[in-house]
């Protein structure tokens, strides 16, 4: 009869698979001060080089247009990949096709109807 082996669960430093929280970036309107959007960083540049073998860092310059007062947020630079969404449930953010000069991606944020 084979010898019984006791299996133990170890508490190693294994990382969970899937999206990881690498921090948040929040865009606020420069004119009225309202929080417009949040960007959840899911993969930083070091992770992307390890997993993808990608040639270099990914840097994205973003800006949001405030549909509440007509102003804009300051431009922010985000390092790595991200997921985006409105800062609260009462807002809706839409991708704009024509980003201003010096900006990679622009969004328009407005109230939900």
Protein backbone atom coordinates (compact mmCIF):
# COMPACT_ATOMS: atom_id res chain seq x y z
CA UNK A 1 0.00 0.00 0.00
CA UNK A 2 1.43 3.43 -0.95
CA UNK A 3 2.44 5.75 1.83
CA UNK A 4 0.03 8.60 2.59
CA UNK A 5 1.37 12.06 1.91
CA UNK A 6 0.00 15.03 3.75
CA UNK A 7 -0.55 18.06 1.52
CA UNK A 8 -0.09 21.48 3.03
CA UNK A 9 -1.15 24.81 1.68
CA UNK A 10 1.75 27.21 1.78
CA UNK A 11 1.43 30.93 2.14
CA UNK A 12 3.90 31.93 -0.53
CA UNK A 13 4.08 35.20 -2.40
CA UNK A 14 1.99 34.12 -5.35
CA UNK A 15 0.30 36.94 -7.20
CA UNK A 16 -3.37 36.52 -8.15
CA UNK A 17 -4.08 36.31 -11.87
CA UNK A 18 -6.14 38.92 -13.70
CA UNK A 19 -6.29 42.67 -13.25
CA UNK A 20 -4.23 44.17 -10.44
CA UNK A 21 -4.69 47.47 -8.67
CA UNK A 22 -1.67 49.63 -9.50
CA UNK A 23 -3.20 52.91 -8.34
CA UNK A 24 -5.72 55.48 -9.54
CA UNK A 25 -5.54 58.76 -11.41
CA UNK A 26 -8.41 61.23 -11.00
CA UNK A 27 -9.23 64.04 -13.40
CA UNK A 28 -10.97 67.12 -12.00
CA UNK A 29 -12.27 70.15 -13.85
CA UNK A 30 -9.76 73.01 -13.66
CA UNK A 31 -12.62 75.55 -13.66
CA UNK A 32 -15.35 74.19 -11.36
CA UNK A 33 -13.26 71.62 -9.41
CA UNK A 34 -15.71 68.74 -9.91
CA UNK A 35 -14.26 65.21 -10.10
CA UNK A 36 -14.89 64.04 -13.68
CA UNK A 37 -13.14 60.70 -14.29
CA UNK A 38 -11.05 58.02 -12.63
CA UNK A 39 -8.45 55.85 -14.31
CA UNK A 40 -7.60 52.54 -12.64
CA UNK A 41 -4.07 51.50 -13.60
CA UNK A 42 -4.15 47.74 -14.23
CA UNK A 43 -0.67 47.06 -15.58
CA UNK A 44 2.34 49.25 -15.05
CA UNK A 45 5.16 49.44 -17.56
CA UNK A 46 7.36 46.95 -15.68
CA UNK A 47 4.57 44.34 -15.79
CA UNK A 48 4.00 44.90 -19.49
CA UNK A 49 7.64 44.32 -20.40
CA UNK A 50 7.70 41.10 -18.36
CA UNK A 51 4.44 39.66 -19.68
CA UNK A 52 4.25 40.90 -23.25
CA UNK A 53 7.86 41.39 -24.21
CA UNK A 54 6.68 44.82 -25.43
CA UNK A 55 9.47 47.07 -26.64
CA UNK A 56 9.01 49.94 -24.24
CA UNK A 57 6.83 51.83 -21.78
CA UNK A 58 3.29 52.91 -22.62
CA UNK A 59 2.55 56.53 -21.75
CA UNK A 60 -0.84 58.15 -22.43
CA UNK A 61 -1.72 61.83 -22.00
CA UNK A 62 -5.43 62.25 -21.13
CA UNK A 63 -7.78 65.20 -20.71
CA UNK A 64 -11.50 65.52 -19.96
CA UNK A 65 -13.94 68.21 -21.09
CA UNK A 66 -16.48 69.15 -18.42
CA UNK A 67 -20.02 69.15 -19.77
CA UNK A 68 -21.26 70.76 -16.54
CA UNK A 69 -19.44 74.11 -16.77
CA UNK A 70 -17.76 73.93 -20.21
CA UNK A 71 -14.24 73.82 -18.77
CA UNK A 72 -11.47 71.25 -19.06
CA UNK A 73 -9.32 69.20 -16.75
CA UNK A 74 -5.57 69.57 -16.63
CA UNK A 75 -3.74 67.07 -18.80
CA UNK A 76 -2.41 64.05 -16.92
CA UNK A 77 0.14 61.48 -18.00
CA UNK A 78 -0.68 57.85 -17.20
CA UNK A 79 2.06 55.21 -17.24
CA UNK A 80 0.89 51.72 -18.26
CA UNK A 81 -2.52 50.27 -19.15
CA UNK A 82 -5.72 51.45 -17.50
CA UNK A 83 -9.50 51.13 -17.29
CA UNK A 84 -11.49 54.36 -17.14
CA UNK A 85 -14.88 55.44 -15.90
CA UNK A 86 -16.82 58.39 -14.50
CA UNK A 87 -15.96 59.66 -11.03
CA UNK A 88 -19.53 59.06 -9.83
CA UNK A 89 -22.65 57.24 -10.99
CA UNK A 90 -24.42 60.43 -12.10
CA UNK A 91 -21.90 61.12 -14.86
CA UNK A 92 -21.29 59.63 -18.28
CA UNK A 93 -17.93 59.78 -20.07
CA UNK A 94 -17.58 59.50 -23.83
CA UNK A 95 -14.48 59.12 -25.95
CA UNK A 96 -13.80 62.10 -28.24
CA UNK A 97 -12.41 61.35 -31.68
CA UNK A 98 -10.43 64.58 -32.06
CA UNK A 99 -8.03 65.02 -29.15
CA UNK A 100 -6.44 68.46 -28.72
CA UNK A 101 -2.79 68.91 -29.68
CA UNK A 102 -0.41 67.45 -27.10
CA UNK A 103 -3.05 65.05 -25.83
CA UNK A 104 -3.37 61.36 -26.81
CA UNK A 105 -6.95 60.76 -25.63
CA UNK A 106 -9.76 63.18 -24.75
CA UNK A 107 -13.13 62.47 -23.12
CA UNK A 108 -16.34 64.44 -22.75
CA UNK A 109 -18.04 64.09 -19.39
CA UNK A 110 -21.71 65.00 -18.90
CA UNK A 111 -24.65 64.22 -16.64
CA UNK A 112 -26.79 61.19 -17.29
CA UNK A 113 -30.31 62.08 -18.33
